[in-house]
């Protein structure tokens, strides 16, 4: 049986925490930043966690079944 390959885009976008949760970056922080407030941009900089609804899909992309 062949090896299962990790999705290359996913391994660049997601990271594991020490407790096994999956970290992600926030969207909407790459361009059109002039109309966004300082507070909004500051909060978009911080890392977030993958929501439980998407957790199984992300784990499958990272081959963590």
PDB file of N, CA and C in Angstrom:
ATOM      1  N   UNK A   1       0.841  -1.186   0.000  1.00  0.00           N
ATOM      2  CA  UNK A   1       0.000   0.000   0.000  1.00  0.00           C
ATOM      3  C   UNK A   1       0.888   1.251   0.000  1.00  0.00           C
ATOM      4  N   UNK A   2       0.569   2.271  -0.829  1.00  0.00           N
ATOM      5  CA  UNK A   2       1.430   3.455  -0.895  1.00  0.00           C
ATOM      6  C   UNK A   2       1.297   4.334   0.347  1.00  0.00           C
ATOM      7  N   UNK A   3       2.325   5.152   0.535  1.00  0.00           N
ATOM      8  CA  UNK A   3       2.315   6.092   1.649  1.00  0.00           C
ATOM      9  C   UNK A   3       1.262   7.170   1.399  1.00  0.00           C
ATOM     10  N   UNK A   4       0.696   7.708   2.464  1.00  0.00           N
ATOM     11  CA  UNK A   4      -0.274   8.799   2.358  1.00  0.00           C
ATOM     12  C   UNK A   4       0.501  10.103   2.417  1.00  0.00           C
ATOM     13  N   UNK A   5       0.302  10.949   1.422  1.00  0.00           N
ATOM     14  CA  UNK A   5       1.053  12.205   1.367  1.00  0.00           C
ATOM     15  C   UNK A   5       0.296  13.323   2.061  1.00  0.00           C
ATOM     16  N   UNK A   6       1.027  14.140   2.786  1.00  0.00           N
ATOM     17  CA  UNK A   6       0.485  15.334   3.420  1.00  0.00           C
ATOM     18  C   UNK A   6       0.247  16.391   2.354  1.00  0.00           C
ATOM     19  N   UNK A   7      -0.840  17.132   2.466  1.00  0.00           N
ATOM     20  CA  UNK A   7      -1.127  18.223   1.547  1.00  0.00           C
ATOM     21  C   UNK A   7      -0.098  19.334   1.761  1.00  0.00           C
ATOM     22  N   UNK A   8       0.622  19.709   0.707  1.00  0.00           N
ATOM     23  CA  UNK A   8       1.733  20.661   0.825  1.00  0.00           C
ATOM     24  C   UNK A   8       1.275  22.050   1.269  1.00  0.00           C
ATOM     25  N   UNK A   9       0.106  22.493   0.772  1.00  0.00           N
ATOM     26  CA  UNK A   9      -0.407  23.805   1.174  1.00  0.00           C
ATOM     27  C   UNK A   9      -0.793  23.838   2.634  1.00  0.00           C
ATOM     28  N   UNK A  10      -1.311  22.715   3.137  1.00  0.00           N
ATOM     29  CA  UNK A  10      -1.758  22.658   4.532  1.00  0.00           C
ATOM     30  C   UNK A  10      -0.594  22.688   5.507  1.00  0.00           C
ATOM     31  N   UNK A  11       0.471  21.988   5.169  1.00  0.00           N
ATOM     32  CA  UNK A  11       1.593  21.940   6.113  1.00  0.00           C
ATOM     33  C   UNK A  11       2.285  23.292   6.242  1.00  0.00           C
ATOM     34  N   UNK A  12       2.101  24.173   5.230  1.00  0.00           N
ATOM     35  CA  UNK A  12       2.639  25.526   5.333  1.00  0.00           C
ATOM     36  C   UNK A  12       1.721  26.441   6.141  1.00  0.00           C
ATOM     37  N   UNK A  13       0.423  26.141   6.166  1.00  0.00           N
ATOM     38  CA  UNK A  13      -0.552  27.040   6.778  1.00  0.00           C
ATOM     39  C   UNK A  13      -0.902  26.704   8.216  1.00  0.00           C
ATOM     40  N   UNK A  14      -0.717  25.470   8.620  1.00  0.00           N
ATOM     41  CA  UNK A  14      -1.126  25.043   9.958  1.00  0.00           C
ATOM     42  C   UNK A  14       0.069  24.567  10.761  1.00  0.00           C
ATOM     43  N   UNK A  15      -0.027  24.718  12.095  1.00  0.00           N
ATOM     44  CA  UNK A  15       1.034  24.264  12.989  1.00  0.00           C
ATOM     45  C   UNK A  15       0.396  23.628  14.223  1.00  0.00           C
ATOM     46  N   UNK A  16       1.093  22.680  14.808  1.00  0.00           N
ATOM     47  CA  UNK A  16       0.595  22.003  16.000  1.00  0.00           C
ATOM     48  C   UNK A  16       1.066  22.707  17.254  1.00  0.00           C
ATOM     49  N   UNK A  17       0.211  22.754  18.267  1.00  0.00           N
ATOM     50  CA  UNK A  17       0.606  23.254  19.580  1.00  0.00           C
ATOM     51  C   UNK A  17       1.126  22.073  20.395  1.00  0.00           C
ATOM     52  N   UNK A  18       1.629  22.360  21.564  1.00  0.00           N
ATOM     53  CA  UNK A  18       2.143  21.306  22.434  1.00  0.00           C
ATOM     54  C   UNK A  18       1.069  20.363  22.925  1.00  0.00           C
ATOM     55  N   UNK A  19      -0.158  20.862  23.046  1.00  0.00           N
ATOM     56  CA  UNK A  19      -1.257  20.032  23.544  1.00  0.00           C
ATOM     57  C   UNK A  19      -1.990  19.291  22.427  1.00  0.00           C
ATOM     58  N   UNK A  20      -1.550  19.484  21.173  1.00  0.00           N
ATOM     59  CA  UNK A  20      -2.153  18.749  20.059  1.00  0.00           C
ATOM     60  C   UNK A  20      -3.223  19.512  19.304  1.00  0.00           C
ATOM     61  N   UNK A  21      -3.448  20.769  19.671  1.00  0.00           N
ATOM     62  CA  UNK A  21      -4.400  21.588  18.917  1.00  0.00           C
ATOM     63  C   UNK A  21      -3.702  22.113  17.664  1.00  0.00           C
ATOM     64  N   UNK A  22      -4.496  22.597  16.710  1.00  0.00           N
ATOM     65  CA  UNK A  22      -3.929  23.074  15.452  1.00  0.00           C
ATOM     66  C   UNK A  22      -4.098  24.588  15.366  1.00  0.00           C
ATOM     67  N   UNK A  23      -2.968  25.290  15.183  1.00  0.00           N
ATOM     68  CA  UNK A  23      -2.969  26.741  15.063  1.00  0.00           C
ATOM     69  C   UNK A  23      -3.156  27.139  13.610  1.00  0.00           C
ATOM     70  N   UNK A  24      -3.709  28.350  13.411  1.00  0.00           N
ATOM     71  CA  UNK A  24      -3.908  28.881  12.070  1.00  0.00           C
ATOM     72  C   UNK A  24      -3.724  30.389  12.103  1.00  0.00           C
ATOM     73  N   UNK A  25      -3.540  30.976  10.932  1.00  0.00           N
ATOM     74  CA  UNK A  25      -3.464  32.431  10.825  1.00  0.00           C
ATOM     75  C   UNK A  25      -4.845  32.971  10.500  1.00  0.00           C
ATOM     76  N   UNK A  26      -5.058  34.242  10.809  1.00  0.00           N
ATOM     77  CA  UNK A  26      -6.317  34.893  10.476  1.00  0.00           C
ATOM     78  C   UNK A  26      -6.287  35.366   9.026  1.00  0.00           C
ATOM     79  N   UNK A  27      -7.430  35.391   8.399  1.00  0.00           N
ATOM     80  CA  UNK A  27      -7.556  35.919   7.044  1.00  0.00           C
ATOM     81  C   UNK A  27      -7.713  37.442   7.107  1.00  0.00           C
ATOM     82  N   UNK A  28      -7.758  38.080   5.955  1.00  0.00           N
ATOM     83  CA  UNK A  28      -7.999  39.530   5.808  1.00  0.00           C
ATOM     84  C   UNK A  28      -6.877  40.394   6.370  1.00  0.00           C
ATOM     85  N   UNK A  29      -5.644  39.896   6.365  1.00  0.00           N
ATOM     86  CA  UNK A  29      -4.535  40.718   6.852  1.00  0.00           C
ATOM     87  C   UNK A  29      -3.444  40.876   5.794  1.00  0.00           C
ATOM     88  N   UNK A  30      -3.775  40.612   4.531  1.00  0.00           N
ATOM     89  CA  UNK A  30      -2.737  40.675   3.507  1.00  0.00           C
ATOM     90  C   UNK A  30      -2.782  41.961   2.684  1.00  0.00           C
ATOM     91  N   UNK A  31      -3.963  42.506   2.441  1.00  0.00           N
ATOM     92  CA  UNK A  31      -4.046  43.743   1.651  1.00  0.00           C
ATOM     93  C   UNK A  31      -5.331  44.483   2.012  1.00  0.00           C
ATOM     94  N   UNK A  32      -5.481  45.672   1.445  1.00  0.00           N
ATOM     95  CA  UNK A  32      -6.582  46.607   1.748  1.00  0.00           C
ATOM     96  C   UNK A  32      -6.632  46.858   3.267  1.00  0.00           C
ATOM     97  N   UNK A  33      -5.486  47.273   3.810  1.00  0.00           N
ATOM     98  CA  UNK A  33      -5.388  47.487   5.254  1.00  0.00           C
ATOM     99  C   UNK A  33      -5.668  48.936   5.643  1.00  0.00           C
ATOM    100  N   UNK A  34      -5.829  49.826   4.647  1.00  0.00           N
ATOM    101  CA  UNK A  34      -6.013  51.241   4.971  1.00  0.00           C
ATOM    102  C   UNK A  34      -7.361  51.516   5.615  1.00  0.00           C
ATOM    103  N   UNK A  35      -8.373  50.758   5.238  1.00  0.00           N
ATOM    104  CA  UNK A  35      -9.707  51.003   5.792  1.00  0.00           C
ATOM    105  C   UNK A  35      -9.954  50.259   7.104  1.00  0.00           C
ATOM    106  N   UNK A  36      -9.020  49.402   7.509  1.00  0.00           N
ATOM    107  CA  UNK A  36      -9.186  48.645   8.752  1.00  0.00           C
ATOM    108  C   UNK A  36      -8.565  49.409   9.908  1.00  0.00           C
ATOM    109  N   UNK A  37      -9.178  49.294  11.071  1.00  0.00           N
ATOM    110  CA  UNK A  37      -8.689  50.011  12.243  1.00  0.00           C
ATOM    111  C   UNK A  37      -7.424  49.348  12.777  1.00  0.00           C
ATOM    112  N   UNK A  38      -6.686  50.088  13.604  1.00  0.00           N
ATOM    113  CA  UNK A  38      -5.467  49.545  14.211  1.00  0.00           C
ATOM    114  C   UNK A  38      -5.775  48.326  15.059  1.00  0.00           C
ATOM    115  N   UNK A  39      -6.871  48.402  15.790  1.00  0.00           N
ATOM    116  CA  UNK A  39      -7.275  47.292  16.654  1.00  0.00           C
ATOM    117  C   UNK A  39      -7.583  46.040  15.831  1.00  0.00           C
ATOM    118  N   UNK A  40      -8.280  46.227  14.728  1.00  0.00           N
ATOM    119  CA  UNK A  40      -8.645  45.102  13.866  1.00  0.00           C
ATOM    120  C   UNK A  40      -7.396  44.445  13.275  1.00  0.00           C
ATOM    121  N   UNK A  41      -6.460  45.276  12.796  1.00  0.00           N
ATOM    122  CA  UNK A  41      -5.230  44.743  12.215  1.00  0.00           C
ATOM    123  C   UNK A  41      -4.379  44.039  13.264  1.00  0.00           C
ATOM    124  N   UNK A  42      -4.337  44.593  14.460  1.00  0.00           N
ATOM    125  CA  UNK A  42      -3.566  43.997  15.555  1.00  0.00           C
ATOM    126  C   UNK A  42      -4.128  42.623  15.925  1.00  0.00           C
ATOM    127  N   UNK A  43      -5.452  42.522  15.975  1.00  0.00           N
ATOM    128  CA  UNK A  43      -6.073  41.255  16.330  1.00  0.00           C
ATOM    129  C   UNK A  43      -5.957  40.218  15.211  1.00  0.00           C
ATOM    130  N   UNK A  44      -5.893  40.670  13.963  1.00  0.00           N
ATOM    131  CA  UNK A  44      -5.719  39.740  12.851  1.00  0.00           C
ATOM    132  C   UNK A  44      -4.306  39.167  12.805  1.00  0.00           C
ATOM    133  N   UNK A  45      -3.348  39.870  13.432  1.00  0.00           N
ATOM    134  CA  UNK A  45      -1.958  39.401  13.461  1.00  0.00           C
ATOM    135  C   UNK A  45      -1.817  38.140  14.301  1.00  0.00           C
ATOM    136  N   UNK A  46      -2.624  38.036  15.345  1.00  0.00           N
ATOM    137  CA  UNK A  46      -2.480  36.938  16.305  1.00  0.00           C
ATOM    138  C   UNK A  46      -2.937  35.612  15.696  1.00  0.00           C
ATOM    139  N   UNK A  47      -2.378  34.532  16.216  1.00  0.00           N
ATOM    140  CA  UNK A  47      -2.751  33.196  15.752  1.00  0.00           C
ATOM    141  C   UNK A  47      -4.071  32.790  16.386  1.00  0.00           C
ATOM    142  N   UNK A  48      -4.824  31.971  15.667  1.00  0.00           N
ATOM    143  CA  UNK A  48      -6.069  31.430  16.184  1.00  0.00           C
ATOM    144  C   UNK A  48      -6.001  29.910  16.161  1.00  0.00           C
ATOM    145  N   UNK A  49      -7.030  29.268  16.653  1.00  0.00           N
ATOM    146  CA  UNK A  49      -7.115  27.812  16.625  1.00  0.00           C
ATOM    147  C   UNK A  49      -8.157  27.390  15.607  1.00  0.00           C
ATOM    148  N   UNK A  50      -7.956  26.223  15.022  1.00  0.00           N
ATOM    149  CA  UNK A  50      -8.912  25.698  14.051  1.00  0.00           C
ATOM    150  C   UNK A  50     -10.188  25.314  14.785  1.00  0.00           C
ATOM    151  N   UNK A  51     -11.331  25.722  14.249  1.00  0.00           N
ATOM    152  CA  UNK A  51     -12.626  25.442  14.859  1.00  0.00           C
ATOM    153  C   UNK A  51     -12.927  23.946  14.800  1.00  0.00           C
ATOM    154  N   UNK A  52     -13.694  23.482  15.769  1.00  0.00           N
ATOM    155  CA  UNK A  52     -13.991  22.050  15.862  1.00  0.00           C
ATOM    156  C   UNK A  52     -14.741  21.527  14.636  1.00  0.00           C
ATOM    157  N   UNK A  53     -15.516  22.403  13.963  1.00  0.00           N
ATOM    158  CA  UNK A  53     -16.249  21.994  12.765  1.00  0.00           C
ATOM    159  C   UNK A  53     -15.298  21.652  11.615  1.00  0.00           C
ATOM    160  N   UNK A  54     -14.138  22.293  11.574  1.00  0.00           N
ATOM    161  CA  UNK A  54     -13.173  22.078  10.494  1.00  0.00           C
ATOM    162  C   UNK A  54     -12.012  21.174  10.893  1.00  0.00           C
ATOM    163  N   UNK A  55     -11.998  20.739  12.146  1.00  0.00           N
ATOM    164  CA  UNK A  55     -10.850  20.011  12.672  1.00  0.00           C
ATOM    165  C   UNK A  55     -10.600  18.694  11.935  1.00  0.00           C
ATOM    166  N   UNK A  56     -11.652  17.936  11.659  1.00  0.00           N
ATOM    167  CA  UNK A  56     -11.462  16.639  10.994  1.00  0.00           C
ATOM    168  C   UNK A  56     -10.927  16.814   9.582  1.00  0.00           C
ATOM    169  N   UNK A  57     -11.401  17.835   8.868  1.00  0.00           N
ATOM    170  CA  UNK A  57     -10.934  18.081   7.499  1.00  0.00           C
ATOM    171  C   UNK A  57      -9.462  18.475   7.489  1.00  0.00           C
ATOM    172  N   UNK A  58      -9.063  19.332   8.432  1.00  0.00           N
ATOM    173  CA  UNK A  58      -7.666  19.785   8.500  1.00  0.00           C
ATOM    174  C   UNK A  58      -6.758  18.636   8.912  1.00  0.00           C
ATOM    175  N   UNK A  59      -7.218  17.808   9.847  1.00  0.00           N
ATOM    176  CA  UNK A  59      -6.415  16.655  10.272  1.00  0.00           C
ATOM    177  C   UNK A  59      -6.215  15.675   9.133  1.00  0.00           C
ATOM    178  N   UNK A  60      -7.208  15.528   8.293  1.00  0.00           N
ATOM    179  CA  UNK A  60      -7.081  14.634   7.140  1.00  0.00           C
ATOM    180  C   UNK A  60      -6.065  15.182   6.137  1.00  0.00           C
ATOM    181  N   UNK A  61      -6.060  16.505   5.946  1.00  0.00           N
ATOM    182  CA  UNK A  61      -5.082  17.114   5.040  1.00  0.00           C
ATOM    183  C   UNK A  61      -3.655  16.959   5.568  1.00  0.00           C
ATOM    184  N   UNK A  62      -3.517  16.966   6.903  1.00  0.00           N
ATOM    185  CA  UNK A  62      -2.199  16.833   7.526  1.00  0.00           C
ATOM    186  C   UNK A  62      -1.843  15.375   7.818  1.00  0.00           C
ATOM    187  N   UNK A  63      -2.695  14.449   7.416  1.00  0.00           N
ATOM    188  CA  UNK A  63      -2.501  12.998   7.639  1.00  0.00           C
ATOM    189  C   UNK A  63      -2.354  12.683   9.121  1.00  0.00           C
ATOM    190  N   UNK A  64      -3.274  13.182   9.923  1.00  0.00           N
ATOM    191  CA  UNK A  64      -3.259  12.964  11.377  1.00  0.00           C
ATOM    192  C   UNK A  64      -4.469  12.167  11.829  1.00  0.00           C
ATOM    193  N   UNK A  65      -4.938  11.231  11.055  1.00  0.00           N
ATOM    194  CA  UNK A  65      -6.137  10.476  11.401  1.00  0.00           C
ATOM    195  C   UNK A  65      -5.965   9.600  12.598  1.00  0.00           C
TER     196      UNK A  65
END
